[in-house]
Amino acid sequence: MNSLHRALVAAQVAADNRGRDIVVLDMRELTSVFDYFVVATGTSRRQLHAMSEEIDRTLEQDLGDRRLGIEGYQDARWILLDYGDVVIHLFDPEARNYYAIEELWDHAKRVPFEPRVSRSAVK
């Protein structure tokens, strides 16, 4: 499974769990450490936990990927999920604004991502 596909699956799972302002950044021309960043905002600690847990479950069970590390889960202001070549950043609104990942990596190309509407979102 290629890293772009896994990044887009993670972005869709974030969208399915009511993540907002989801961005996928292509990092391949800027660093050899990872290929893609997925950045999303959640509105509460509970939602950030749900997004991170569902992304982890989906990538592991459906795609056979294993998370290498996780940071920030307890505080749930910025949860970082490390899958090696794909790194997922889940922020609360204040932390996302403060750390400004998209501005820090502003030379990264944005990958087109348009979330599909999930059945759970149409209630």
PDB file of N, CA and C in Angstrom:
ATOM      1  N   MET A   1       0.856  -1.179   0.000  1.00  0.00           N
ATOM      2  CA  MET A   1       0.000   0.000   0.000  1.00  0.00           C
ATOM      3  C   MET A   1       0.900   1.240   0.000  1.00  0.00           C
ATOM      4  N   ASN A   2       0.690   2.145  -0.947  1.00  0.00           N
ATOM      5  CA  ASN A   2       1.574   3.300  -1.004  1.00  0.00           C
ATOM      6  C   ASN A   2       1.187   4.368   0.027  1.00  0.00           C
ATOM      7  N   SER A   3       2.149   5.227   0.308  1.00  0.00           N
ATOM      8  CA  SER A   3       1.968   6.218   1.371  1.00  0.00           C
ATOM      9  C   SER A   3       0.878   7.236   1.041  1.00  0.00           C
ATOM     10  N   LEU A   4       0.717   7.611  -0.224  1.00  0.00           N
ATOM     11  CA  LEU A   4      -0.347   8.558  -0.581  1.00  0.00           C
ATOM     12  C   LEU A   4      -1.714   7.955  -0.283  1.00  0.00           C
ATOM     13  N   HIS A   5      -1.913   6.715  -0.651  1.00  0.00           N
ATOM     14  CA  HIS A   5      -3.197   6.064  -0.373  1.00  0.00           C
ATOM     15  C   HIS A   5      -3.474   6.038   1.131  1.00  0.00           C
ATOM     16  N   ARG A   6      -2.477   5.692   1.936  1.00  0.00           N
ATOM     17  CA  ARG A   6      -2.671   5.643   3.387  1.00  0.00           C
ATOM     18  C   ARG A   6      -2.954   7.033   3.958  1.00  0.00           C
ATOM     19  N   ALA A   7      -2.291   8.056   3.421  1.00  0.00           N
ATOM     20  CA  ALA A   7      -2.551   9.427   3.880  1.00  0.00           C
ATOM     21  C   ALA A   7      -3.983   9.834   3.555  1.00  0.00           C
ATOM     22  N   LEU A   8      -4.448   9.507   2.359  1.00  0.00           N
ATOM     23  CA  LEU A   8      -5.815   9.867   1.974  1.00  0.00           C
ATOM     24  C   LEU A   8      -6.849   9.074   2.766  1.00  0.00           C
ATOM     25  N   VAL A   9      -6.563   7.828   3.077  1.00  0.00           N
ATOM     26  CA  VAL A   9      -7.469   7.041   3.928  1.00  0.00           C
ATOM     27  C   VAL A   9      -7.535   7.674   5.313  1.00  0.00           C
ATOM     28  N   ALA A  10      -6.398   8.051   5.877  1.00  0.00           N
ATOM     29  CA  ALA A  10      -6.382   8.695   7.197  1.00  0.00           C
ATOM     30  C   ALA A  10      -7.169  10.004   7.167  1.00  0.00           C
ATOM     31  N   ALA A  11      -7.015  10.779   6.100  1.00  0.00           N
ATOM     32  CA  ALA A  11      -7.751  12.038   5.972  1.00  0.00           C
ATOM     33  C   ALA A  11      -9.253  11.773   5.914  1.00  0.00           C
ATOM     34  N   GLN A  12      -9.654  10.746   5.184  1.00  0.00           N
ATOM     35  CA  GLN A  12     -11.080  10.421   5.100  1.00  0.00           C
ATOM     36  C   GLN A  12     -11.622   9.958   6.445  1.00  0.00           C
ATOM     37  N   VAL A  13     -10.851   9.171   7.172  1.00  0.00           N
ATOM     38  CA  VAL A  13     -11.289   8.732   8.505  1.00  0.00           C
ATOM     39  C   VAL A  13     -11.449   9.937   9.426  1.00  0.00           C
ATOM     40  N   ALA A  14     -10.532  10.891   9.340  1.00  0.00           N
ATOM     41  CA  ALA A  14     -10.669  12.121  10.131  1.00  0.00           C
ATOM     42  C   ALA A  14     -11.964  12.838   9.746  1.00  0.00           C
ATOM     43  N   ALA A  15     -12.249  12.928   8.461  1.00  0.00           N
ATOM     44  CA  ALA A  15     -13.484  13.577   7.996  1.00  0.00           C
ATOM     45  C   ALA A  15     -14.711  12.819   8.487  1.00  0.00           C
ATOM     46  N   ASP A  16     -14.655  11.494   8.443  1.00  0.00           N
ATOM     47  CA  ASP A  16     -15.774  10.671   8.903  1.00  0.00           C
ATOM     48  C   ASP A  16     -16.045  10.857  10.393  1.00  0.00           C
ATOM     49  N   ASN A  17     -15.022  11.312  11.119  1.00  0.00           N
ATOM     50  CA  ASN A  17     -15.149  11.543  12.560  1.00  0.00           C
ATOM     51  C   ASN A  17     -15.240  13.032  12.885  1.00  0.00           C
ATOM     52  N   ARG A  18     -15.779  13.765  11.936  1.00  0.00           N
ATOM     53  CA  ARG A  18     -16.061  15.196  12.059  1.00  0.00           C
ATOM     54  C   ARG A  18     -14.832  16.087  12.226  1.00  0.00           C
ATOM     55  N   GLY A  19     -13.703  15.605  11.690  1.00  0.00           N
ATOM     56  CA  GLY A  19     -12.521  16.456  11.641  1.00  0.00           C
ATOM     57  C   GLY A  19     -12.770  17.614  10.689  1.00  0.00           C
ATOM     58  N   ARG A  20     -12.144  18.741  10.960  1.00  0.00           N
ATOM     59  CA  ARG A  20     -12.346  19.937  10.142  1.00  0.00           C
ATOM     60  C   ARG A  20     -11.031  20.397   9.541  1.00  0.00           C
ATOM     61  N   ASP A  21     -11.147  21.203   8.501  1.00  0.00           N
ATOM     62  CA  ASP A  21      -9.976  21.837   7.876  1.00  0.00           C
ATOM     63  C   ASP A  21      -8.867  20.825   7.601  1.00  0.00           C
ATOM     64  N   ILE A  22      -9.229  19.740   6.962  1.00  0.00           N
ATOM     65  CA  ILE A  22      -8.282  18.652   6.716  1.00  0.00           C
ATOM     66  C   ILE A  22      -7.404  18.994   5.520  1.00  0.00           C
ATOM     67  N   VAL A  23      -6.104  18.833   5.730  1.00  0.00           N
ATOM     68  CA  VAL A  23      -5.112  19.133   4.703  1.00  0.00           C
ATOM     69  C   VAL A  23      -4.154  17.945   4.612  1.00  0.00           C
ATOM     70  N   VAL A  24      -3.815  17.578   3.376  1.00  0.00           N
ATOM     71  CA  VAL A  24      -2.792  16.564   3.135  1.00  0.00           C
ATOM     72  C   VAL A  24      -1.644  17.266   2.430  1.00  0.00           C
ATOM     73  N   LEU A  25      -0.459  17.196   3.022  1.00  0.00           N
ATOM     74  CA  LEU A  25       0.727  17.855   2.472  1.00  0.00           C
ATOM     75  C   LEU A  25       1.704  16.814   1.940  1.00  0.00           C
ATOM     76  N   ASP A  26       2.176  17.028   0.718  1.00  0.00           N
ATOM     77  CA  ASP A  26       3.187  16.173   0.101  1.00  0.00           C
ATOM     78  C   ASP A  26       4.558  16.699   0.532  1.00  0.00           C
ATOM     79  N   MET A  27       5.249  15.928   1.351  1.00  0.00           N
ATOM     80  CA  MET A  27       6.519  16.363   1.934  1.00  0.00           C
ATOM     81  C   MET A  27       7.740  15.785   1.212  1.00  0.00           C
ATOM     82  N   ARG A  28       7.523  14.984   0.186  1.00  0.00           N
ATOM     83  CA  ARG A  28       8.611  14.227  -0.433  1.00  0.00           C
ATOM     84  C   ARG A  28       9.730  15.088  -1.006  1.00  0.00           C
ATOM     85  N   GLU A  29       9.419  16.272  -1.508  1.00  0.00           N
ATOM     86  CA  GLU A  29      10.464  17.133  -2.070  1.00  0.00           C
ATOM     87  C   GLU A  29      11.180  17.953  -0.997  1.00  0.00           C
ATOM     88  N   LEU A  30      10.660  17.939   0.227  1.00  0.00           N
ATOM     89  CA  LEU A  30      11.227  18.768   1.289  1.00  0.00           C
ATOM     90  C   LEU A  30      12.031  17.992   2.325  1.00  0.00           C
ATOM     91  N   THR A  31      11.752  16.704   2.463  1.00  0.00           N
ATOM     92  CA  THR A  31      12.453  15.904   3.458  1.00  0.00           C
ATOM     93  C   THR A  31      12.438  14.434   3.040  1.00  0.00           C
ATOM     94  N   SER A  32      13.447  13.714   3.457  1.00  0.00           N
ATOM     95  CA  SER A  32      13.487  12.277   3.181  1.00  0.00           C
ATOM     96  C   SER A  32      12.992  11.467   4.373  1.00  0.00           C
ATOM     97  N   VAL A  33      12.549  12.140   5.410  1.00  0.00           N
ATOM     98  CA  VAL A  33      12.132  11.469   6.643  1.00  0.00           C
ATOM     99  C   VAL A  33      10.731  10.878   6.513  1.00  0.00           C
ATOM    100  N   PHE A  34       9.832  11.570   5.834  1.00  0.00           N
ATOM    101  CA  PHE A  34       8.458  11.094   5.648  1.00  0.00           C
ATOM    102  C   PHE A  34       7.939  11.619   4.325  1.00  0.00           C
ATOM    103  N   ASP A  35       6.817  11.031   3.879  1.00  0.00           N
ATOM    104  CA  ASP A  35       6.248  11.399   2.575  1.00  0.00           C
ATOM    105  C   ASP A  35       5.093  12.384   2.676  1.00  0.00           C
ATOM    106  N   TYR A  36       4.202  12.166   3.653  1.00  0.00           N
ATOM    107  CA  TYR A  36       2.986  12.982   3.739  1.00  0.00           C
ATOM    108  C   TYR A  36       2.671  13.348   5.176  1.00  0.00           C
ATOM    109  N   PHE A  37       2.118  14.544   5.328  1.00  0.00           N
ATOM    110  CA  PHE A  37       1.478  14.982   6.566  1.00  0.00           C
ATOM    111  C   PHE A  37      -0.024  15.011   6.306  1.00  0.00           C
ATOM    112  N   VAL A  38      -0.784  14.578   7.288  1.00  0.00           N
ATOM    113  CA  VAL A  38      -2.226  14.792   7.301  1.00  0.00           C
ATOM    114  C   VAL A  38      -2.483  15.676   8.514  1.00  0.00           C
ATOM    115  N   VAL A  39      -3.178  16.784   8.309  1.00  0.00           N
ATOM    116  CA  VAL A  39      -3.458  17.735   9.381  1.00  0.00           C
ATOM    117  C   VAL A  39      -4.965  17.918   9.478  1.00  0.00           C
ATOM    118  N   ALA A  40      -5.487  17.822  10.700  1.00  0.00           N
ATOM    119  CA  ALA A  40      -6.933  17.999  10.899  1.00  0.00           C
ATOM    120  C   ALA A  40      -7.174  18.654  12.251  1.00  0.00           C
ATOM    121  N   THR A  41      -8.322  19.277  12.378  1.00  0.00           N
ATOM    122  CA  THR A  41      -8.728  19.936  13.623  1.00  0.00           C
ATOM    123  C   THR A  41      -9.945  19.228  14.191  1.00  0.00           C
ATOM    124  N   GLY A  42      -9.916  19.041  15.508  1.00  0.00           N
ATOM    125  CA  GLY A  42     -11.066  18.516  16.232  1.00  0.00           C
ATOM    126  C   GLY A  42     -11.550  19.552  17.223  1.00  0.00           C
ATOM    127  N   THR A  43     -12.780  19.415  17.654  1.00  0.00           N
ATOM    128  CA  THR A  43     -13.373  20.444  18.509  1.00  0.00           C
ATOM    129  C   THR A  43     -13.338  20.115  19.994  1.00  0.00           C
ATOM    130  N   SER A  44     -12.955  18.882  20.334  1.00  0.00           N
ATOM    131  CA  SER A  44     -12.906  18.516  21.756  1.00  0.00           C
ATOM    132  C   SER A  44     -11.894  17.394  21.960  1.00  0.00           C
ATOM    133  N   ARG A  45     -11.517  17.194  23.188  1.00  0.00           N
ATOM    134  CA  ARG A  45     -10.598  16.108  23.528  1.00  0.00           C
ATOM    135  C   ARG A  45     -11.187  14.766  23.113  1.00  0.00           C
ATOM    136  N   ARG A  46     -12.451  14.596  23.400  1.00  0.00           N
ATOM    137  CA  ARG A  46     -13.133  13.344  23.057  1.00  0.00           C
ATOM    138  C   ARG A  46     -13.099  13.091  21.549  1.00  0.00           C
ATOM    139  N   GLN A  47     -13.363  14.122  20.775  1.00  0.00           N
ATOM    140  CA  GLN A  47     -13.350  13.966  19.326  1.00  0.00           C
ATOM    141  C   GLN A  47     -11.941  13.666  18.818  1.00  0.00           C
ATOM    142  N   LEU A  48     -10.936  14.346  19.345  1.00  0.00           N
ATOM    143  CA  LEU A  48      -9.557  14.084  18.940  1.00  0.00           C
ATOM    144  C   LEU A  48      -9.167  12.644  19.261  1.00  0.00           C
ATOM    145  N   HIS A  49      -9.567  12.155  20.426  1.00  0.00           N
ATOM    146  CA  HIS A  49      -9.300  10.758  20.777  1.00  0.00           C
ATOM    147  C   HIS A  49     -10.000   9.815  19.806  1.00  0.00           C
ATOM    148  N   ALA A  50     -11.258  10.090  19.512  1.00  0.00           N
ATOM    149  CA  ALA A  50     -12.011   9.233  18.593  1.00  0.00           C
ATOM    150  C   ALA A  50     -11.361   9.217  17.211  1.00  0.00           C
ATOM    151  N   MET A  51     -10.948  10.390  16.717  1.00  0.00           N
ATOM    152  CA  MET A  51     -10.290  10.451  15.410  1.00  0.00           C
ATOM    153  C   MET A  51      -9.010   9.631  15.419  1.00  0.00           C
ATOM    154  N   SER A  52      -8.174   9.822  16.442  1.00  0.00           N
ATOM    155  CA  SER A  52      -6.894   9.108  16.469  1.00  0.00           C
ATOM    156  C   SER A  52      -7.098   7.605  16.586  1.00  0.00           C
ATOM    157  N   GLU A  53      -8.041   7.180  17.408  1.00  0.00           N
ATOM    158  CA  GLU A  53      -8.294   5.749  17.586  1.00  0.00           C
ATOM    159  C   GLU A  53      -8.847   5.118  16.317  1.00  0.00           C
ATOM    160  N   GLU A  54      -9.732   5.827  15.627  1.00  0.00           N
ATOM    161  CA  GLU A  54     -10.322   5.279  14.409  1.00  0.00           C
ATOM    162  C   GLU A  54      -9.314   5.261  13.261  1.00  0.00           C
ATOM    163  N   ILE A  55      -8.476   6.275  13.171  1.00  0.00           N
ATOM    164  CA  ILE A  55      -7.410   6.265  12.159  1.00  0.00           C
ATOM    165  C   ILE A  55      -6.494   5.076  12.418  1.00  0.00           C
ATOM    166  N   ASP A  56      -6.098   4.890  13.667  1.00  0.00           N
ATOM    167  CA  ASP A  56      -5.218   3.784  14.026  1.00  0.00           C
ATOM    168  C   ASP A  56      -5.860   2.440  13.689  1.00  0.00           C
ATOM    169  N   ARG A  57      -7.124   2.288  14.049  1.00  0.00           N
ATOM    170  CA  ARG A  57      -7.827   1.026  13.790  1.00  0.00           C
ATOM    171  C   ARG A  57      -7.926   0.758  12.289  1.00  0.00           C
ATOM    172  N   THR A  58      -8.295   1.781  11.520  1.00  0.00           N
ATOM    173  CA  THR A  58      -8.469   1.613  10.086  1.00  0.00           C
ATOM    174  C   THR A  58      -7.150   1.293   9.390  1.00  0.00           C
ATOM    175  N   LEU A  59      -6.103   2.019   9.716  1.00  0.00           N
ATOM    176  CA  LEU A  59      -4.826   1.771   9.061  1.00  0.00           C
ATOM    177  C   LEU A  59      -4.280   0.393   9.427  1.00  0.00           C
ATOM    178  N   GLU A  60      -4.492  -0.031  10.667  1.00  0.00           N
ATOM    179  CA  GLU A  60      -3.988  -1.339  11.076  1.00  0.00           C
ATOM    180  C   GLU A  60      -4.844  -2.476  10.522  1.00  0.00           C
ATOM    181  N   GLN A  61      -6.146  -2.420  10.759  1.00  0.00           N
ATOM    182  CA  GLN A  61      -7.007  -3.538  10.368  1.00  0.00           C
ATOM    183  C   GLN A  61      -7.277  -3.595   8.866  1.00  0.00           C
ATOM    184  N   ASP A  62      -7.535  -2.463   8.253  1.00  0.00           N
ATOM    185  CA  ASP A  62      -7.915  -2.466   6.838  1.00  0.00           C
ATOM    186  C   ASP A  62      -6.708  -2.433   5.896  1.00  0.00           C
ATOM    187  N   LEU A  63      -5.620  -1.773   6.321  1.00  0.00           N
ATOM    188  CA  LEU A  63      -4.479  -1.606   5.418  1.00  0.00           C
ATOM    189  C   LEU A  63      -3.229  -2.337   5.887  1.00  0.00           C
ATOM    190  N   GLY A  64      -3.264  -2.950   7.063  1.00  0.00           N
ATOM    191  CA  GLY A  64      -2.119  -3.699   7.558  1.00  0.00           C
ATOM    192  C   GLY A  64      -0.942  -2.838   7.981  1.00  0.00           C
ATOM    193  N   ASP A  65      -1.181  -1.567   8.250  1.00  0.00           N
ATOM    194  CA  ASP A  65      -0.117  -0.657   8.674  1.00  0.00           C
ATOM    195  C   ASP A  65      -0.045  -0.644  10.195  1.00  0.00           C
ATOM    196  N   ARG A  66       1.132  -0.415  10.723  1.00  0.00           N
ATOM    197  CA  ARG A  66       1.301  -0.354  12.173  1.00  0.00           C
ATOM    198  C   ARG A  66       1.878   0.996  12.561  1.00  0.00           C
ATOM    199  N   ARG A  67       1.270   1.588  13.564  1.00  0.00           N
ATOM    200  CA  ARG A  67       1.754   2.878  14.065  1.00  0.00           C
ATOM    201  C   ARG A  67       3.100   2.665  14.748  1.00  0.00           C
ATOM    202  N   LEU A  68       4.050   3.551  14.468  1.00  0.00           N
ATOM    203  CA  LEU A  68       5.367   3.492  15.087  1.00  0.00           C
ATOM    204  C   LEU A  68       5.408   4.253  16.402  1.00  0.00           C
ATOM    205  N   GLY A  69       4.561   5.277  16.528  1.00  0.00           N
ATOM    206  CA  GLY A  69       4.557   6.071  17.752  1.00  0.00           C
ATOM    207  C   GLY A  69       3.348   6.977  17.812  1.00  0.00           C
ATOM    208  N   ILE A  70       3.099   7.450  19.022  1.00  0.00           N
ATOM    209  CA  ILE A  70       2.016   8.407  19.258  1.00  0.00           C
ATOM    210  C   ILE A  70       2.498   9.388  20.318  1.00  0.00           C
ATOM    211  N   GLU A  71       2.170  10.640  20.132  1.00  0.00           N
ATOM    212  CA  GLU A  71       2.516  11.695  21.094  1.00  0.00           C
ATOM    213  C   GLU A  71       1.287  12.547  21.347  1.00  0.00           C
ATOM    214  N   GLY A  72       1.149  13.053  22.556  1.00  0.00           N
ATOM    215  CA  GLY A  72       0.126  14.028  22.886  1.00  0.00           C
ATOM    216  C   GLY A  72      -1.259  13.491  23.163  1.00  0.00           C
ATOM    217  N   TYR A  73      -1.407  12.186  23.228  1.00  0.00           N
ATOM    218  CA  TYR A  73      -2.744  11.602  23.403  1.00  0.00           C
ATOM    219  C   TYR A  73      -3.372  12.030  24.729  1.00  0.00           C
ATOM    220  N   GLN A  74      -2.601  12.039  25.794  1.00  0.00           N
ATOM    221  CA  GLN A  74      -3.143  12.377  27.121  1.00  0.00           C
ATOM    222  C   GLN A  74      -3.693  13.802  27.166  1.00  0.00           C
ATOM    223  N   ASP A  75      -2.915  14.751  26.685  1.00  0.00           N
ATOM    224  CA  ASP A  75      -3.351  16.151  26.723  1.00  0.00           C
ATOM    225  C   ASP A  75      -4.389  16.456  25.649  1.00  0.00           C
ATOM    226  N   ALA A  76      -4.283  15.767  24.531  1.00  0.00           N
ATOM    227  CA  ALA A  76      -5.237  15.888  23.414  1.00  0.00           C
ATOM    228  C   ALA A  76      -5.401  17.322  22.917  1.00  0.00           C
ATOM    229  N   ARG A  77      -4.295  18.030  22.834  1.00  0.00           N
ATOM    230  CA  ARG A  77      -4.318  19.340  22.176  1.00  0.00           C
ATOM    231  C   ARG A  77      -3.680  19.205  20.802  1.00  0.00           C
ATOM    232  N   TRP A  78      -2.664  18.327  20.726  1.00  0.00           N
ATOM    233  CA  TRP A  78      -1.990  18.007  19.482  1.00  0.00           C
ATOM    234  C   TRP A  78      -1.599  16.540  19.569  1.00  0.00           C
ATOM    235  N   ILE A  79      -2.318  15.703  18.873  1.00  0.00           N
ATOM    236  CA  ILE A  79      -2.004  14.280  18.838  1.00  0.00           C
ATOM    237  C   ILE A  79      -1.251  14.005  17.542  1.00  0.00           C
ATOM    238  N   LEU A  80      -0.078  13.408  17.672  1.00  0.00           N
ATOM    239  CA  LEU A  80       0.735  13.073  16.524  1.00  0.00           C
ATOM    240  C   LEU A  80       0.781  11.551  16.398  1.00  0.00           C
ATOM    241  N   LEU A  81       0.372  11.050  15.238  1.00  0.00           N
ATOM    242  CA  LEU A  81       0.412   9.621  14.943  1.00  0.00           C
ATOM    243  C   LEU A  81       1.486   9.407  13.882  1.00  0.00           C
ATOM    244  N   ASP A  82       2.481   8.595  14.201  1.00  0.00           N
ATOM    245  CA  ASP A  82       3.615   8.376  13.316  1.00  0.00           C
ATOM    246  C   ASP A  82       3.518   6.990  12.690  1.00  0.00           C
ATOM    247  N   TYR A  83       3.355   6.967  11.382  1.00  0.00           N
ATOM    248  CA  TYR A  83       3.326   5.715  10.629  1.00  0.00           C
ATOM    249  C   TYR A  83       4.555   5.601   9.722  1.00  0.00           C
ATOM    250  N   GLY A  84       5.623   6.276  10.098  1.00  0.00           N
ATOM    251  CA  GLY A  84       6.852   6.232   9.309  1.00  0.00           C
ATOM    252  C   GLY A  84       6.815   7.222   8.168  1.00  0.00           C
ATOM    253  N   ASP A  85       6.263   6.821   7.039  1.00  0.00           N
ATOM    254  CA  ASP A  85       6.235   7.718   5.882  1.00  0.00           C
ATOM    255  C   ASP A  85       4.994   8.608   5.851  1.00  0.00           C
ATOM    256  N   VAL A  86       4.049   8.382   6.756  1.00  0.00           N
ATOM    257  CA  VAL A  86       2.861   9.233   6.900  1.00  0.00           C
ATOM    258  C   VAL A  86       2.773   9.659   8.361  1.00  0.00           C
ATOM    259  N   VAL A  87       2.684  10.965   8.581  1.00  0.00           N
ATOM    260  CA  VAL A  87       2.562  11.510   9.933  1.00  0.00           C
ATOM    261  C   VAL A  87       1.254  12.295  10.003  1.00  0.00           C
ATOM    262  N   ILE A  88       0.456  11.976  11.012  1.00  0.00           N
ATOM    263  CA  ILE A  88      -0.862  12.582  11.148  1.00  0.00           C
ATOM    264  C   ILE A  88      -0.855  13.498  12.365  1.00  0.00           C
ATOM    265  N   HIS A  89      -1.282  14.743  12.145  1.00  0.00           N
ATOM    266  CA  HIS A  89      -1.350  15.752  13.196  1.00  0.00           C
ATOM    267  C   HIS A  89      -2.818  16.096  13.440  1.00  0.00           C
ATOM    268  N   LEU A  90      -3.294  15.835  14.639  1.00  0.00           N
ATOM    269  CA  LEU A  90      -4.666  16.168  15.025  1.00  0.00           C
ATOM    270  C   LEU A  90      -4.597  17.243  16.103  1.00  0.00           C
ATOM    271  N   PHE A  91      -5.178  18.389  15.823  1.00  0.00           N
ATOM    272  CA  PHE A  91      -5.064  19.547  16.709  1.00  0.00           C
ATOM    273  C   PHE A  91      -6.419  19.989  17.239  1.00  0.00           C
ATOM    274  N   ASP A  92      -6.394  20.613  18.423  1.00  0.00           N
ATOM    275  CA  ASP A  92      -7.540  21.437  18.785  1.00  0.00           C
ATOM    276  C   ASP A  92      -7.306  22.782  18.085  1.00  0.00           C
ATOM    277  N   PRO A  93      -8.331  23.629  17.959  1.00  0.00           N
ATOM    278  CA  PRO A  93      -8.172  24.870  17.175  1.00  0.00           C
ATOM    279  C   PRO A  93      -7.044  25.779  17.661  1.00  0.00           C
ATOM    280  N   GLU A  94      -6.893  25.946  18.968  1.00  0.00           N
ATOM    281  CA  GLU A  94      -5.848  26.825  19.495  1.00  0.00           C
ATOM    282  C   GLU A  94      -4.454  26.304  19.173  1.00  0.00           C
ATOM    283  N   ALA A  95      -4.228  25.018  19.373  1.00  0.00           N
ATOM    284  CA  ALA A  95      -2.909  24.439  19.100  1.00  0.00           C
ATOM    285  C   ALA A  95      -2.587  24.496  17.612  1.00  0.00           C
ATOM    286  N   ARG A  96      -3.573  24.254  16.776  1.00  0.00           N
ATOM    287  CA  ARG A  96      -3.318  24.309  15.328  1.00  0.00           C
ATOM    288  C   ARG A  96      -2.908  25.714  14.917  1.00  0.00           C
ATOM    289  N   ASN A  97      -3.584  26.697  15.442  1.00  0.00           N
ATOM    290  CA  ASN A  97      -3.236  28.076  15.141  1.00  0.00           C
ATOM    291  C   ASN A  97      -1.842  28.419  15.679  1.00  0.00           C
ATOM    292  N   TYR A  98      -1.541  27.985  16.879  1.00  0.00           N
ATOM    293  CA  TYR A  98      -0.255  28.293  17.521  1.00  0.00           C
ATOM    294  C   TYR A  98       0.921  27.649  16.780  1.00  0.00           C
ATOM    295  N   TYR A  99       0.813  26.366  16.464  1.00  0.00           N
ATOM    296  CA  TYR A  99       1.921  25.650  15.834  1.00  0.00           C
ATOM    297  C   TYR A  99       1.997  25.869  14.328  1.00  0.00           C
ATOM    298  N   ALA A 100       0.908  26.214  13.705  1.00  0.00           N
ATOM    299  CA  ALA A 100       0.867  26.629  12.295  1.00  0.00           C
ATOM    300  C   ALA A 100       1.702  25.723  11.379  1.00  0.00           C
ATOM    301  N   ILE A 101       1.410  24.432  11.431  1.00  0.00           N
ATOM    302  CA  ILE A 101       2.149  23.453  10.633  1.00  0.00           C
ATOM    303  C   ILE A 101       2.147  23.801   9.148  1.00  0.00           C
ATOM    304  N   GLU A 102       0.994  24.213   8.621  1.00  0.00           N
ATOM    305  CA  GLU A 102       0.921  24.537   7.192  1.00  0.00           C
ATOM    306  C   GLU A 102       1.810  25.722   6.835  1.00  0.00           C
ATOM    307  N   GLU A 103       1.959  26.667   7.754  1.00  0.00           N
ATOM    308  CA  GLU A 103       2.841  27.807   7.493  1.00  0.00           C
ATOM    309  C   GLU A 103       4.304  27.404   7.626  1.00  0.00           C
ATOM    310  N   LEU A 104       4.602  26.567   8.613  1.00  0.00           N
ATOM    311  CA  LEU A 104       5.968  26.098   8.810  1.00  0.00           C
ATOM    312  C   LEU A 104       6.462  25.334   7.573  1.00  0.00           C
ATOM    313  N   TRP A 105       5.590  24.538   6.992  1.00  0.00           N
ATOM    314  CA  TRP A 105       5.912  23.742   5.804  1.00  0.00           C
ATOM    315  C   TRP A 105       5.188  24.311   4.582  1.00  0.00           C
ATOM    316  N   ASP A 106       5.221  25.627   4.409  1.00  0.00           N
ATOM    317  CA  ASP A 106       4.437  26.269   3.347  1.00  0.00           C
ATOM    318  C   ASP A 106       4.923  25.950   1.930  1.00  0.00           C
ATOM    319  N   HIS A 107       6.109  25.353   1.788  1.00  0.00           N
ATOM    320  CA  HIS A 107       6.583  24.969   0.452  1.00  0.00           C
ATOM    321  C   HIS A 107       6.076  23.587   0.044  1.00  0.00           C
ATOM    322  N   ALA A 108       5.433  22.896   0.968  1.00  0.00           N
ATOM    323  CA  ALA A 108       4.893  21.571   0.647  1.00  0.00           C
ATOM    324  C   ALA A 108       3.694  21.715  -0.283  1.00  0.00           C
ATOM    325  N   LYS A 109       3.600  20.812  -1.216  1.00  0.00           N
ATOM    326  CA  LYS A 109       2.451  20.811  -2.129  1.00  0.00           C
ATOM    327  C   LYS A 109       1.244  20.245  -1.392  1.00  0.00           C
ATOM    328  N   ARG A 110       0.101  20.871  -1.606  1.00  0.00           N
ATOM    329  CA  ARG A 110      -1.147  20.344  -1.051  1.00  0.00           C
ATOM    330  C   ARG A 110      -1.704  19.290  -1.992  1.00  0.00           C
ATOM    331  N   VAL A 111      -2.060  18.174  -1.409  1.00  0.00           N
ATOM    332  CA  VAL A 111      -2.663  17.090  -2.175  1.00  0.00           C
ATOM    333  C   VAL A 111      -4.166  17.347  -2.214  1.00  0.00           C
ATOM    334  N   PRO A 112      -4.766  17.308  -3.384  1.00  0.00           N
ATOM    335  CA  PRO A 112      -6.215  17.495  -3.434  1.00  0.00           C
ATOM    336  C   PRO A 112      -6.927  16.439  -2.582  1.00  0.00           C
ATOM    337  N   PHE A 113      -7.775  16.916  -1.696  1.00  0.00           N
ATOM    338  CA  PHE A 113      -8.557  16.015  -0.853  1.00  0.00           C
ATOM    339  C   PHE A 113      -9.948  16.594  -0.687  1.00  0.00           C
ATOM    340  N   GLU A 114     -10.911  15.850  -1.156  1.00  0.00           N
ATOM    341  CA  GLU A 114     -12.311  16.233  -1.010  1.00  0.00           C
ATOM    342  C   GLU A 114     -12.997  15.080  -0.293  1.00  0.00           C
ATOM    343  N   PRO A 115     -13.353  15.268   0.990  1.00  0.00           N
ATOM    344  CA  PRO A 115     -13.939  14.142   1.733  1.00  0.00           C
ATOM    345  C   PRO A 115     -15.253  13.697   1.116  1.00  0.00           C
ATOM    346  N   ARG A 116     -15.408  12.408   1.037  1.00  0.00           N
ATOM    347  CA  ARG A 116     -16.695  11.874   0.585  1.00  0.00           C
ATOM    348  C   ARG A 116     -17.631  11.903   1.789  1.00  0.00           C
ATOM    349  N   VAL A 117     -18.895  12.008   1.540  1.00  0.00           N
ATOM    350  CA  VAL A 117     -19.873  12.065   2.615  1.00  0.00           C
ATOM    351  C   VAL A 117     -20.113  10.654   3.124  1.00  0.00           C
ATOM    352  N   SER A 118     -19.915  10.463   4.420  1.00  0.00           N
ATOM    353  CA  SER A 118     -20.136   9.144   5.002  1.00  0.00           C
ATOM    354  C   SER A 118     -21.590   9.025   5.443  1.00  0.00           C
ATOM    355  N   ARG A 119     -22.047   7.807   5.606  1.00  0.00           N
ATOM    356  CA  ARG A 119     -23.420   7.582   6.045  1.00  0.00           C
ATOM    357  C   ARG A 119     -23.673   8.175   7.421  1.00  0.00           C
ATOM    358  N   SER A 120     -22.661   8.101   8.299  1.00  0.00           N
ATOM    359  CA  SER A 120     -22.862   8.619   9.656  1.00  0.00           C
ATOM    360  C   SER A 120     -22.999  10.137   9.668  1.00  0.00           C
ATOM    361  N   ALA A 121     -22.444  10.810   8.655  1.00  0.00           N
ATOM    362  CA  ALA A 121     -22.535  12.277   8.600  1.00  0.00           C
ATOM    363  C   ALA A 121     -23.895  12.740   8.081  1.00  0.00           C
ATOM    364  N   VAL A 122     -24.672  11.825   7.499  1.00  0.00           N
ATOM    365  CA  VAL A 122     -25.958  12.190   6.907  1.00  0.00           C
ATOM    366  C   VAL A 122     -27.089  11.799   7.849  1.00  0.00           C
ATOM    367  N   LYS A 123     -27.011  12.187   9.071  1.00  0.00           N
ATOM    368  CA  LYS A 123     -28.059  11.861  10.040  1.00  0.00           C
ATOM    369  C   LYS A 123     -28.918  13.060  10.302  1.00  0.00           C
TER     370      LYS A 123
END
